[in-house]
Amino acid sequence: MTDLQFGLDTFGDIPEDDAGRLVSDAAAIRQVVEEAVLADELGVDAIALGEHHRPEYSISTPETVLAGIAARTSRIRLGSGVTVLSSDDPVRVFQRFATVDAISNGRAEVILGRGSFTESFPLFGYDLADYDVLFEEKLQLFAQLLDEKPVTWSGTTRAALDHADVYPKTESGRLTTWVGVGGSPQSVVRTASYGLPLMLAIIGGSPERFAPYLDLYRRAAEQFGTVVHPVGMHSPGFVADTDDEAKELFYPRYKVVRDRIGALRGWPPIRREEFDSEVVHGSMYVGSPETVARRIAGAVQKLGVGRFDLIYTAGSLPVSARLRAVELYGTKVIPMVRDILAG
């Protein structure tokens, strides 16, 4: 597992300042930039910013923030996690990320997905009744754009293209593109059919239950004759100096956001017992560097993934605690995981 990559994910959650007050959206965005700069300095492989259109999160255009990060970093890979392709235009998404790729000297990557929230659909004038066809058609077009040649395409969700050439081109000739999947076998097979890397969102339950999806991806890619890429996974968590500190900082703030979103989806409020169980047995990587490293190593060994991304922010976690989490992840967790896997 020497090629294992490590990333950090955030949606730009609105944090608290040192006085316990929520910061502004603008300050939250600037905070993400500072955390990315620190991650770059510490050798973290990638950072992914999620697109959201809700009051809890400050980032609605990941690529704009990534361009700012690109100008202040030198090595970390810069991605979205995810770009909601269904409610965007594939041509514009490609152009924006190709631009980030230029600014960053080839470090951009886009993770395309349906998104786990639906606010973007009415916001940009899309009908949720077209949820499936929007993603299917737009992913088809985006896959053609990746060849960086004139595109001829027609569908029902946007104007047709006739030998349309799209600029800017990337210097490498290929924009790194993943598809984020939350657990649909059809989505796994579709990703394999396009020969694109798969990023699994494993946000609850034992990570082992996703093993069949990795097997399905590999078998489908072999049948389609496409490339079998290393699979990535991203999961929530938080690192502090001790297990107790991590849980006591994380849980109350996570519960606020989780229950607010859960109320919209018909979920009951989360109980502390459920959270504690998820931390010990499930897909919540919360604790000291030793605890988090041990749990990440276990998941990587069980699934055989090539990249692990930690969603390191949840709710109003204080600015200082977030910076400390990034520091511990880069300086302690990643080296520990590598040592465990090499042993």
Foldseek 3Di string as FASTA:
>chain_A
DVLFAEEAEEQLFFAAAPVRHTDDLVVSLVLVLVLLLVLLVLPHAEYAYEADDDPRGSHNDQLVSLLVSLQRHAGHAYEYPADQQLLDALLVVVASQLVSCVSNVRRYEHAYENDPDDVSQVVRPHDVVCSVVSVVQRVVQNLVCQQQFQDFDDDDPDHTGDRHGGDDAHPVNGHQYEYEDADDLVVLLVRLLSLHEYEYEFEKFALLVCQVSLVSNVVSNVVNVHDNDFHHYEYEEAEDAFQVVQCVLPPVQQQVVCCVVCVVVVHHRDDPVRVVCCCVGNRYQYGYLVSSLVVVLVSCVSRVGRYYYYHHDGGHRYSVRSSNRSVCCSPRNVVSNVVVNVD
